[in-house]
Amino acid sequence: METMSEAAREAKREYHRQWQRANRDKVRKYISKYRQGMSEEAREVQREYHRKWQKENPDKARAYQNAYWERKALEKLTGKTKEGNR
């Protein structure tokens, strides 16, 4: 099992704090728009699929998350982002 470095964990915490402060209205607007465009049944099917996939592939899910936060920690330390990514 692969674990995140302390730098990656700190980058994750800092990213979430900043993002939540900066995007409160954006999140509310997105959620209301998302809920209007998709029926409750469709949302539940989507959630169930993701839960099932994560349950069947815990190592992959954990590895994807760890790799993401390691990249974010590296970006924070170096101040550089990879071109072409969101």
C-alpha atoms as a PDB file:
ATOM      1  CA  MET A   1       0.000   0.000   0.000  1.00  0.00           C
ATOM      2  CA  GLU A   2       1.331   3.399  -1.008  1.00  0.00           C
ATOM      3  CA  THR A   3       0.950   6.298   1.413  1.00  0.00           C
ATOM      4  CA  MET A   4       1.167  10.020   0.828  1.00  0.00           C
ATOM      5  CA  SER A   5       4.161  11.960   2.012  1.00  0.00           C
ATOM      6  CA  GLU A   6       3.679  14.599   4.681  1.00  0.00           C
ATOM      7  CA  ALA A   7       4.237  17.286   2.033  1.00  0.00           C
ATOM      8  CA  ALA A   8       1.434  15.811  -0.079  1.00  0.00           C
ATOM      9  CA  ARG A   9      -0.928  15.657   2.903  1.00  0.00           C
ATOM     10  CA  GLU A  10      -0.171  19.281   3.758  1.00  0.00           C
ATOM     11  CA  ALA A  11      -0.636  20.320   0.124  1.00  0.00           C
ATOM     12  CA  LYS A  12      -4.018  18.577   0.125  1.00  0.00           C
ATOM     13  CA  ARG A  13      -5.141  20.311   3.315  1.00  0.00           C
ATOM     14  CA  GLU A  14      -3.971  23.732   2.118  1.00  0.00           C
ATOM     15  CA  TYR A  15      -5.550  23.276  -1.312  1.00  0.00           C
ATOM     16  CA  HIS A  16      -8.912  22.376   0.228  1.00  0.00           C
ATOM     17  CA  ARG A  17      -8.829  25.329   2.648  1.00  0.00           C
ATOM     18  CA  GLN A  18      -8.045  27.830  -0.105  1.00  0.00           C
ATOM     19  CA  TRP A  19     -10.456  26.339  -2.600  1.00  0.00           C
ATOM     20  CA  GLN A  20     -13.364  26.263  -0.180  1.00  0.00           C
ATOM     21  CA  ARG A  21     -12.801  29.875   0.845  1.00  0.00           C
ATOM     22  CA  ALA A  22     -12.508  31.081  -2.734  1.00  0.00           C
ATOM     23  CA  ASN A  23     -15.371  29.104  -4.273  1.00  0.00           C
ATOM     24  CA  ARG A  24     -18.292  29.066  -1.860  1.00  0.00           C
ATOM     25  CA  ASP A  25     -20.705  30.668  -4.319  1.00  0.00           C
ATOM     26  CA  LYS A  26     -19.379  28.641  -7.242  1.00  0.00           C
ATOM     27  CA  VAL A  27     -19.985  25.392  -5.368  1.00  0.00           C
ATOM     28  CA  ARG A  28     -23.534  26.340  -4.423  1.00  0.00           C
ATOM     29  CA  LYS A  29     -24.321  27.357  -8.009  1.00  0.00           C
ATOM     30  CA  TYR A  30     -22.774  24.192  -9.471  1.00  0.00           C
ATOM     31  CA  ILE A  31     -24.627  21.936  -7.063  1.00  0.00           C
ATOM     32  CA  SER A  32     -27.972  23.532  -7.785  1.00  0.00           C
ATOM     33  CA  LYS A  33     -27.362  23.359 -11.555  1.00  0.00           C
ATOM     34  CA  TYR A  34     -26.118  19.754 -11.314  1.00  0.00           C
ATOM     35  CA  ARG A  35     -29.171  18.736  -9.332  1.00  0.00           C
ATOM     36  CA  GLN A  36     -31.514  20.311 -11.863  1.00  0.00           C
ATOM     37  CA  GLY A  37     -29.927  18.524 -14.824  1.00  0.00           C
ATOM     38  CA  MET A  38     -29.968  15.033 -13.357  1.00  0.00           C
ATOM     39  CA  SER A  39     -32.793  13.099 -11.764  1.00  0.00           C
ATOM     40  CA  GLU A  40     -32.382  11.766  -8.258  1.00  0.00           C
ATOM     41  CA  GLU A  41     -32.478   8.210  -9.621  1.00  0.00           C
ATOM     42  CA  ALA A  42     -29.668   8.974 -12.081  1.00  0.00           C
ATOM     43  CA  ARG A  43     -27.559  10.554  -9.332  1.00  0.00           C
ATOM     44  CA  GLU A  44     -28.060   7.519  -7.132  1.00  0.00           C
ATOM     45  CA  VAL A  45     -27.051   5.177  -9.972  1.00  0.00           C
ATOM     46  CA  GLN A  46     -23.903   7.246 -10.536  1.00  0.00           C
ATOM     47  CA  ARG A  47     -23.043   7.271  -6.828  1.00  0.00           C
ATOM     48  CA  GLU A  48     -23.611   3.534  -6.582  1.00  0.00           C
ATOM     49  CA  TYR A  49     -21.317   2.896  -9.565  1.00  0.00           C
ATOM     50  CA  HIS A  50     -18.523   4.962  -8.005  1.00  0.00           C
ATOM     51  CA  ARG A  51     -18.957   3.294  -4.608  1.00  0.00           C
ATOM     52  CA  LYS A  52     -18.865  -0.147  -6.224  1.00  0.00           C
ATOM     53  CA  TRP A  53     -15.780   0.693  -8.300  1.00  0.00           C
ATOM     54  CA  GLN A  54     -13.940   2.047  -5.270  1.00  0.00           C
ATOM     55  CA  LYS A  55     -14.894  -0.976  -3.203  1.00  0.00           C
ATOM     56  CA  GLU A  56     -13.708  -3.365  -5.937  1.00  0.00           C
ATOM     57  CA  ASN A  57     -10.517  -1.381  -6.636  1.00  0.00           C
ATOM     58  CA  PRO A  58      -9.349   0.109  -3.334  1.00  0.00           C
ATOM     59  CA  ASP A  59      -5.684  -0.012  -4.270  1.00  0.00           C
ATOM     60  CA  LYS A  60      -6.290   1.779  -7.579  1.00  0.00           C
ATOM     61  CA  ALA A  61      -8.479   4.426  -5.952  1.00  0.00           C
ATOM     62  CA  ARG A  62      -5.893   5.024  -3.223  1.00  0.00           C
ATOM     63  CA  ALA A  63      -3.033   5.092  -5.741  1.00  0.00           C
ATOM     64  CA  TYR A  64      -4.850   7.629  -7.947  1.00  0.00           C
ATOM     65  CA  GLN A  65      -5.519   9.898  -4.962  1.00  0.00           C
ATOM     66  CA  ASN A  66      -1.962   9.601  -3.644  1.00  0.00           C
ATOM     67  CA  ALA A  67      -0.429  10.337  -7.050  1.00  0.00           C
ATOM     68  CA  TYR A  68      -2.676  13.380  -7.441  1.00  0.00           C
ATOM     69  CA  TRP A  69      -1.671  14.843  -4.080  1.00  0.00           C
ATOM     70  CA  GLU A  70       2.018  14.069  -4.629  1.00  0.00           C
ATOM     71  CA  ARG A  71       1.810  16.124  -7.857  1.00  0.00           C
ATOM     72  CA  LYS A  72       0.072  18.937  -5.990  1.00  0.00           C
ATOM     73  CA  ALA A  73       2.801  18.921  -3.309  1.00  0.00           C
ATOM     74  CA  LEU A  74       5.484  19.075  -5.994  1.00  0.00           C
ATOM     75  CA  GLU A  75       3.681  21.961  -7.711  1.00  0.00           C
ATOM     76  CA  LYS A  76       3.457  23.811  -4.403  1.00  0.00           C
ATOM     77  CA  LEU A  77       7.154  23.311  -3.676  1.00  0.00           C
ATOM     78  CA  THR A  78       8.387  24.203  -7.152  1.00  0.00           C
ATOM     79  CA  GLY A  79       5.720  26.715  -8.135  1.00  0.00           C
ATOM     80  CA  LYS A  80       5.333  24.998 -11.491  1.00  0.00           C
ATOM     81  CA  THR A  81       2.283  23.278 -12.969  1.00  0.00           C
ATOM     82  CA  LYS A  82       2.180  20.753 -15.753  1.00  0.00           C
ATOM     83  CA  GLU A  83       1.010  22.297 -19.037  1.00  0.00           C
ATOM     84  CA  GLY A  84      -2.276  21.025 -20.424  1.00  0.00           C
ATOM     85  CA  ASN A  85      -3.787  19.955 -17.093  1.00  0.00           C
ATOM     86  CA  ARG A  86      -6.748  21.591 -15.424  1.00  0.00           C
END
